[in-house]
Amino acid sequence: MARVEQAETKDVARGETMPVDPTIDQVRELLFGHTQRSNEKRDQELNQTIDALRREMLEKFAAVEARMDEMAHETARRHATTVDAIGSAIADLGAHVRKLAESPGGK
């Protein structure tokens, strides 16, 4: 018996594996099969949840980015409108000053 154990030890030391007895697989399935399937199902559910959260966050980021673009365009429009209003006010002021300057000299 000691020689058989020595031969098995040499096989294991060389990295060779012994053929697995099918009854061992059946015992493993009976003992751990449900837990393994449960873990795999939970892993799949977690991955689905992560994927759903990723999609939701990407949608929210896209919405925020669209809103920021919208606000940038609105700000640019208001800036252009304000600059036009300031230019118009300065032109009106210049015309008013010209009228004031012409009045005394024209009399």
Protein backbone atom coordinates (compact mmCIF):
# COMPACT_ATOMS: atom_id res chain seq x y z
CA MET A 1 0.00 0.00 0.00
CA ALA A 2 2.89 2.33 0.71
CA ARG A 3 4.12 1.88 -2.87
CA VAL A 4 0.71 2.92 -4.23
CA GLU A 5 0.74 6.04 -2.06
CA GLN A 6 4.27 6.84 -3.22
CA ALA A 7 3.24 6.44 -6.86
CA GLU A 8 0.24 8.73 -6.31
CA THR A 9 2.48 11.30 -4.58
CA LYS A 10 4.92 11.22 -7.52
CA ASP A 11 2.04 11.69 -10.00
CA VAL A 12 0.71 14.65 -8.04
CA ALA A 13 4.20 16.14 -7.71
CA ARG A 14 4.66 15.96 -11.50
CA GLY A 15 1.44 17.87 -11.98
CA GLU A 16 -0.47 14.90 -13.34
CA THR A 17 -3.98 14.61 -12.07
CA MET A 18 -5.74 11.41 -11.36
CA PRO A 19 -8.98 10.75 -13.21
CA VAL A 20 -11.92 12.04 -11.21
CA ASP A 21 -14.42 9.50 -10.05
CA PRO A 22 -17.92 10.40 -11.36
CA THR A 23 -19.38 9.70 -7.94
CA ILE A 24 -17.26 12.55 -6.53
CA ASP A 25 -18.84 14.88 -9.06
CA GLN A 26 -22.27 13.67 -8.03
CA VAL A 27 -21.46 14.24 -4.36
CA ARG A 28 -20.19 17.74 -5.14
CA GLU A 29 -23.35 18.45 -7.09
CA LEU A 30 -25.50 17.24 -4.20
CA LEU A 31 -23.55 19.21 -1.62
CA PHE A 32 -22.73 22.41 -3.49
CA GLY A 33 -24.81 22.41 -6.66
CA HIS A 34 -27.67 24.49 -5.29
CA THR A 35 -25.28 27.01 -3.76
CA GLN A 36 -23.30 27.25 -7.00
CA ARG A 37 -26.44 27.80 -9.06
CA SER A 38 -27.69 30.33 -6.52
CA ASN A 39 -24.38 32.21 -6.67
CA GLU A 40 -24.40 32.18 -10.46
CA LYS A 41 -27.99 33.46 -10.52
CA ARG A 42 -27.13 36.23 -8.06
CA ASP A 43 -24.06 37.13 -10.09
CA GLN A 44 -26.21 37.35 -13.22
CA GLU A 45 -28.79 39.51 -11.41
CA LEU A 46 -26.07 41.83 -10.13
CA ASN A 47 -24.60 42.17 -13.61
CA GLN A 48 -28.05 42.98 -15.00
CA THR A 49 -28.56 45.59 -12.27
CA ILE A 50 -25.16 47.12 -13.00
CA ASP A 51 -25.94 47.23 -16.73
CA ALA A 52 -29.31 48.89 -16.04
CA LEU A 53 -27.65 51.48 -13.78
CA ARG A 54 -24.98 52.10 -16.42
CA ARG A 55 -27.64 52.71 -19.08
CA GLU A 56 -29.61 54.97 -16.72
CA MET A 57 -26.51 57.00 -15.85
CA LEU A 58 -25.55 57.35 -19.52
CA GLU A 59 -29.06 58.60 -20.28
CA LYS A 60 -28.88 61.09 -17.41
CA PHE A 61 -25.43 62.28 -18.52
CA ALA A 62 -26.74 62.73 -22.05
CA ALA A 63 -29.72 64.72 -20.72
CA VAL A 64 -27.44 66.93 -18.60
CA GLU A 65 -25.10 67.46 -21.54
CA ALA A 66 -28.04 68.40 -23.80
CA ARG A 67 -29.31 70.83 -21.15
CA MET A 68 -25.85 72.38 -20.82
CA ASP A 69 -25.67 72.84 -24.62
CA GLU A 70 -29.13 74.40 -24.56
CA MET A 71 -28.09 76.77 -21.79
CA ALA A 72 -24.87 77.69 -23.64
CA HIS A 73 -26.88 78.59 -26.74
CA GLU A 74 -29.34 80.61 -24.66
CA THR A 75 -26.47 82.43 -22.95
CA ALA A 76 -24.83 83.20 -26.31
CA ARG A 77 -28.16 84.51 -27.65
CA ARG A 78 -28.69 86.73 -24.59
CA HIS A 79 -25.10 87.97 -24.86
CA ALA A 80 -25.60 88.90 -28.52
CA THR A 81 -28.91 90.59 -27.70
CA THR A 82 -27.32 92.55 -24.84
CA VAL A 83 -24.39 93.65 -27.01
CA ASP A 84 -26.85 94.81 -29.70
CA ALA A 85 -28.88 96.70 -27.07
CA ILE A 86 -25.74 98.37 -25.70
CA GLY A 87 -24.62 99.30 -29.22
CA SER A 88 -28.06 100.69 -30.00
CA ALA A 89 -28.09 102.68 -26.75
CA ILE A 90 -24.64 104.13 -27.51
CA ALA A 91 -25.76 105.06 -31.04
CA ASP A 92 -28.87 106.76 -29.63
CA LEU A 93 -26.77 108.59 -27.09
CA GLY A 94 -24.37 109.72 -29.86
CA ALA A 95 -27.30 110.98 -31.94
CA HIS A 96 -28.69 112.82 -28.93
CA VAL A 97 -25.30 114.40 -28.22
CA ARG A 98 -25.05 115.50 -31.90
CA LYS A 99 -28.48 117.10 -31.68
CA LEU A 100 -27.44 118.92 -28.52
CA ALA A 101 -24.22 120.07 -30.18
CA GLU A 102 -26.01 121.27 -33.33
CA SER A 103 -28.73 123.19 -31.55
CA PRO A 104 -26.57 126.00 -30.12
CA GLY A 105 -24.44 126.28 -33.24
CA GLY A 106 -27.43 126.27 -35.61
CA LYS A 107 -29.11 129.30 -33.94
